[in-house]
Amino acid sequence: MEKLKPQSTVKAPADWFTGDVWFDVIYAGQEPSRMRMNMVRFAPGARTDWHHHAVGQTLHVVAGVALIGTRDGTILEARPGETVACPPGEEHWHGATPDRFMQHLALWEGTGDGSPETTWLEKVDDATYDGPRTRG
């Protein structure tokens, strides 16, 4: 057993996010573990760019209301205590509502073969972000 030393909070790069986003790397497993977990905090209106994960991603909402969008135009609202699973290769984005902060745990796995875990794509435009939402 090992108690891990906490890492400093990091401002998310503008190349991958719109708005103010901060994250804490909670766990970045070393082989044979491929598990990754970050606590991510989004300011109102902040969001990721379009992206996908080679082995999928799970988002567990801690505070606020998360918006999770997919290429088919679905924008799912998730509230604290709710968990959303994005399958491998699914292009998606996630972020906060325009009027509230949002915080979630992001969990995903490395590939184990050195290929990219996450592929970052283009920015999410305002029309997409402002699209109709569903509670799912």
Protein backbone atom coordinates (compact mmCIF):
# COMPACT_ATOMS: atom_id res chain seq x y z
CA MET A 1 0.00 0.00 0.00
CA GLU A 2 1.17 3.50 -0.77
CA LYS A 3 -0.27 6.89 0.15
CA LEU A 4 0.17 9.06 -2.93
CA LYS A 5 1.44 12.62 -2.67
CA PRO A 6 -1.13 15.11 -4.00
CA GLN A 7 -0.14 17.07 -7.08
CA SER A 8 -0.72 20.79 -7.48
CA THR A 9 -3.85 22.09 -9.21
CA VAL A 10 -3.19 22.90 -12.87
CA LYS A 11 -4.94 25.34 -15.21
CA ALA A 12 -6.25 23.40 -18.19
CA PRO A 13 -4.65 24.29 -21.52
CA ALA A 14 -6.56 26.67 -23.81
CA ASP A 15 -5.68 24.33 -26.69
CA TRP A 16 -8.17 21.78 -25.30
CA PHE A 17 -10.71 23.91 -23.39
CA THR A 18 -12.89 27.01 -23.75
CA GLY A 19 -13.16 29.14 -20.61
CA ASP A 20 -11.54 28.66 -17.23
CA VAL A 21 -10.95 25.04 -16.25
CA TRP A 22 -8.73 23.66 -13.52
CA PHE A 23 -7.83 20.07 -12.70
CA ASP A 24 -6.11 17.96 -10.10
CA VAL A 25 -4.45 14.75 -11.22
CA ILE A 26 -5.59 12.30 -8.59
CA TYR A 27 -4.10 9.19 -10.14
CA ALA A 28 -2.01 8.44 -13.23
CA GLY A 29 -1.24 4.75 -12.96
CA GLN A 30 2.09 3.29 -13.96
CA GLU A 31 2.23 -0.09 -15.72
CA PRO A 32 0.67 -2.49 -15.21
CA SER A 33 -2.06 -0.03 -14.13
CA ARG A 34 -3.53 2.09 -16.91
CA MET A 35 -6.07 3.92 -14.74
CA ARG A 36 -6.30 7.72 -14.84
CA MET A 37 -8.43 9.99 -12.65
CA ASN A 38 -8.66 13.78 -12.51
CA MET A 39 -10.90 16.13 -10.52
CA VAL A 40 -11.92 18.82 -13.01
CA ARG A 41 -13.51 22.17 -12.14
CA PHE A 42 -15.26 24.23 -14.82
CA ALA A 43 -16.21 27.92 -14.49
CA PRO A 44 -19.68 28.84 -15.82
CA GLY A 45 -19.76 28.38 -19.59
CA ALA A 46 -16.42 26.53 -19.70
CA ARG A 47 -16.14 23.30 -21.66
CA THR A 48 -13.76 20.86 -23.27
CA ASP A 49 -13.10 20.76 -26.99
CA TRP A 50 -14.48 17.84 -28.97
CA HIS A 51 -12.40 14.77 -28.16
CA HIS A 52 -12.51 10.99 -27.82
CA HIS A 53 -10.75 8.38 -25.72
CA ALA A 54 -9.20 5.19 -27.05
CA VAL A 55 -10.57 3.13 -24.14
CA GLY A 56 -13.57 5.32 -23.21
CA GLN A 57 -14.17 7.74 -20.35
CA THR A 58 -16.40 7.87 -17.29
CA LEU A 59 -17.55 11.17 -15.76
CA HIS A 60 -18.92 11.33 -12.21
CA VAL A 61 -20.52 14.69 -11.35
CA VAL A 62 -19.59 16.08 -7.93
CA ALA A 63 -21.10 19.60 -8.03
CA GLY A 64 -23.18 21.75 -10.37
CA VAL A 65 -24.77 20.49 -13.57
CA ALA A 66 -22.59 18.85 -16.22
CA LEU A 67 -23.36 19.10 -19.91
CA ILE A 68 -22.10 16.18 -22.01
CA GLY A 69 -22.56 16.51 -25.77
CA THR A 70 -22.21 14.01 -28.63
CA ARG A 71 -21.94 14.41 -32.41
CA ASP A 72 -25.61 13.48 -32.93
CA GLY A 73 -26.56 16.74 -31.17
CA THR A 74 -27.53 15.17 -27.84
CA ILE A 75 -26.59 17.27 -24.80
CA LEU A 76 -27.14 15.28 -21.64
CA GLU A 77 -27.51 17.06 -18.28
CA ALA A 78 -26.01 15.19 -15.32
CA ARG A 79 -26.29 16.25 -11.69
CA PRO A 80 -24.23 15.51 -8.56
CA GLY A 81 -24.05 11.78 -7.87
CA GLU A 82 -24.78 10.86 -11.49
CA THR A 83 -22.27 9.07 -13.70
CA VAL A 84 -22.02 9.11 -17.50
CA ALA A 85 -19.98 6.57 -19.50
CA CYS A 86 -18.62 7.56 -22.92
CA PRO A 87 -17.64 4.49 -24.97
CA PRO A 88 -14.27 4.09 -26.70
CA GLY A 89 -13.91 6.34 -29.73
CA GLU A 90 -17.11 8.35 -29.14
CA GLU A 91 -16.53 12.01 -29.96
CA HIS A 92 -17.91 14.13 -27.13
CA TRP A 93 -17.44 17.28 -25.04
CA HIS A 94 -18.33 18.17 -21.46
CA GLY A 95 -18.59 21.32 -19.43
CA ALA A 96 -20.55 23.59 -17.11
CA THR A 97 -23.85 25.34 -17.69
CA PRO A 98 -23.65 29.06 -18.54
CA ASP A 99 -24.65 30.13 -15.02
CA ARG A 100 -23.01 27.65 -12.60
CA PHE A 101 -19.69 26.11 -11.76
CA MET A 102 -19.40 22.36 -12.32
CA GLN A 103 -17.01 19.79 -10.92
CA HIS A 104 -16.59 16.17 -12.01
CA LEU A 105 -14.27 13.24 -11.63
CA ALA A 106 -12.94 12.13 -15.02
CA LEU A 107 -11.82 8.50 -15.22
CA TRP A 108 -10.21 6.84 -18.22
CA GLU A 109 -7.51 4.33 -19.06
CA GLY A 110 -4.26 4.47 -20.93
CA THR A 111 -3.92 2.27 -23.98
CA GLY A 112 -1.00 0.18 -22.76
CA ASP A 113 0.70 0.36 -26.16
CA GLY A 114 1.89 3.97 -26.14
CA SER A 115 -0.78 5.24 -28.53
CA PRO A 116 -2.71 8.37 -27.51
CA GLU A 117 -5.25 7.95 -24.71
CA THR A 118 -7.17 11.05 -25.80
CA THR A 119 -7.50 12.60 -29.24
CA TRP A 120 -8.34 16.30 -29.12
CA LEU A 121 -10.37 17.83 -31.95
CA GLU A 122 -11.91 21.24 -32.72
CA LYS A 123 -13.52 23.74 -30.35
CA VAL A 124 -17.21 23.38 -29.48
CA ASP A 125 -18.95 26.38 -31.04
CA ASP A 126 -21.54 28.41 -29.14
CA ALA A 127 -24.44 27.12 -31.28
CA THR A 128 -23.58 23.53 -30.37
CA TYR A 129 -23.03 24.37 -26.69
CA ASP A 130 -26.37 26.22 -26.56
CA GLY A 131 -28.30 23.35 -28.16
CA PRO A 132 -31.31 21.62 -26.57
CA ARG A 133 -30.61 19.50 -23.50
CA THR A 134 -32.03 16.27 -22.16
CA ARG A 135 -31.99 14.64 -18.73
CA GLY A 136 -31.67 11.23 -20.41
